[in-house]
Amino acid sequence: MAGGWARDGAVQEQIDASIQDELKRMQANKGPVGESLTHCAECDEEIPDARRKAIPGVKLCIDCMQERDAAFKARPGFNRRGSKDSQLR
């Protein structure tokens, strides 16, 4: 298969690198770890026992977690190679 200026296998290497980067990012943000707190780390409100049992390692109350989730913005994927049009300019 013709690859233009890229060597054979370069496209697959880019795909593999993108997948590995995303896996590392996901593993770094797995979620709560360790023992659950009895009071929220942000507002000091008591965390219900049922929540602590349901989510081991929880650090935030429901209200603070909802605020944090609402502020989260998903990171879009990107093409490391760029488009062919951008390479021709």
Protein backbone atom coordinates (compact mmCIF):
# COMPACT_ATOMS: atom_id res chain seq x y z
CA MET A 1 0.00 0.00 0.00
CA ALA A 2 1.32 3.43 -0.90
CA GLY A 3 1.98 5.54 2.17
CA GLY A 4 3.10 8.82 0.67
CA TRP A 5 5.99 10.18 2.72
CA ALA A 6 5.41 7.78 5.61
CA ARG A 7 7.31 4.53 5.92
CA ASP A 8 5.48 1.19 6.00
CA GLY A 9 3.64 0.66 9.29
CA ALA A 10 3.76 4.33 10.33
CA VAL A 11 -0.01 4.69 10.29
CA GLN A 12 -0.50 1.67 12.54
CA GLU A 13 2.20 2.98 14.90
CA GLN A 14 0.29 6.27 15.22
CA ILE A 15 -2.95 4.42 15.93
CA ASP A 16 -1.24 2.25 18.55
CA ALA A 17 0.36 5.30 20.18
CA SER A 18 -3.00 7.09 20.35
CA ILE A 19 -4.61 4.06 21.98
CA GLN A 20 -1.78 3.72 24.50
CA ASP A 21 -2.00 7.43 25.41
CA GLU A 22 -5.73 7.16 26.00
CA LEU A 23 -5.35 3.99 28.09
CA LYS A 24 -2.75 5.70 30.29
CA ARG A 25 -5.05 8.71 30.73
CA MET A 26 -7.98 6.49 31.68
CA GLN A 27 -5.92 4.46 34.16
CA ALA A 28 -4.65 7.63 35.81
CA ASN A 29 -8.26 8.76 36.38
CA LYS A 30 -9.74 5.46 37.57
CA GLY A 31 -11.63 6.96 40.48
CA PRO A 32 -11.54 6.85 44.25
CA VAL A 33 -8.77 4.85 45.88
CA GLY A 34 -8.23 4.01 49.53
CA GLU A 35 -10.59 4.40 52.45
CA SER A 36 -13.77 6.46 52.17
CA LEU A 37 -13.97 9.72 54.10
CA THR A 38 -16.79 10.29 56.57
CA HIS A 39 -17.04 13.98 55.60
CA CYS A 40 -16.70 15.64 52.19
CA ALA A 41 -13.19 16.84 51.33
CA GLU A 42 -14.58 20.09 49.83
CA CYS A 43 -17.58 21.21 51.91
CA ASP A 44 -17.14 19.08 55.07
CA GLU A 45 -20.73 17.77 54.81
CA GLU A 46 -21.23 14.25 56.14
CA ILE A 47 -21.10 11.55 53.46
CA PRO A 48 -23.96 9.03 53.98
CA ASP A 49 -22.94 5.53 55.01
CA ALA A 50 -24.76 4.03 52.01
CA ARG A 51 -22.63 6.15 49.63
CA ARG A 52 -19.41 5.13 51.38
CA LYS A 53 -20.38 1.46 51.04
CA ALA A 54 -21.50 1.80 47.41
CA ILE A 55 -18.34 3.64 46.28
CA PRO A 56 -15.25 2.51 48.21
CA GLY A 57 -12.75 5.34 48.51
CA VAL A 58 -15.30 8.14 48.01
CA LYS A 59 -14.02 11.59 49.04
CA LEU A 60 -16.86 13.92 47.98
CA CYS A 61 -20.52 14.28 48.89
CA ILE A 62 -23.14 13.95 46.15
CA ASP A 63 -23.57 17.72 45.70
CA CYS A 64 -19.84 18.40 45.29
CA MET A 65 -19.45 15.42 42.94
CA GLN A 66 -22.34 16.68 40.78
CA GLU A 67 -20.70 20.12 40.56
CA ARG A 68 -17.41 18.56 39.56
CA ASP A 69 -19.09 16.33 36.95
CA ALA A 70 -20.95 19.33 35.48
CA ALA A 71 -17.65 21.24 35.12
CA PHE A 72 -15.91 18.32 33.35
CA LYS A 73 -15.33 18.77 29.65
CA ALA A 74 -14.50 15.74 27.55
CA ARG A 75 -11.20 15.92 25.71
CA PRO A 76 -11.68 15.43 21.99
CA GLY A 77 -9.59 12.92 20.11
CA PHE A 78 -7.15 14.19 17.54
CA ASN A 79 -5.37 12.96 14.48
CA ARG A 80 -1.62 13.04 15.09
CA ARG A 81 -0.81 12.99 11.40
CA GLY A 82 -3.02 15.88 10.44
CA SER A 83 -5.03 15.94 7.26
CA LYS A 84 -3.46 15.62 3.83
CA ASP A 85 -4.69 19.12 3.02
CA SER A 86 -2.71 20.61 5.90
CA GLN A 87 0.44 18.81 4.71
CA LEU A 88 0.12 20.28 1.22
CA ARG A 89 -0.06 23.90 2.38
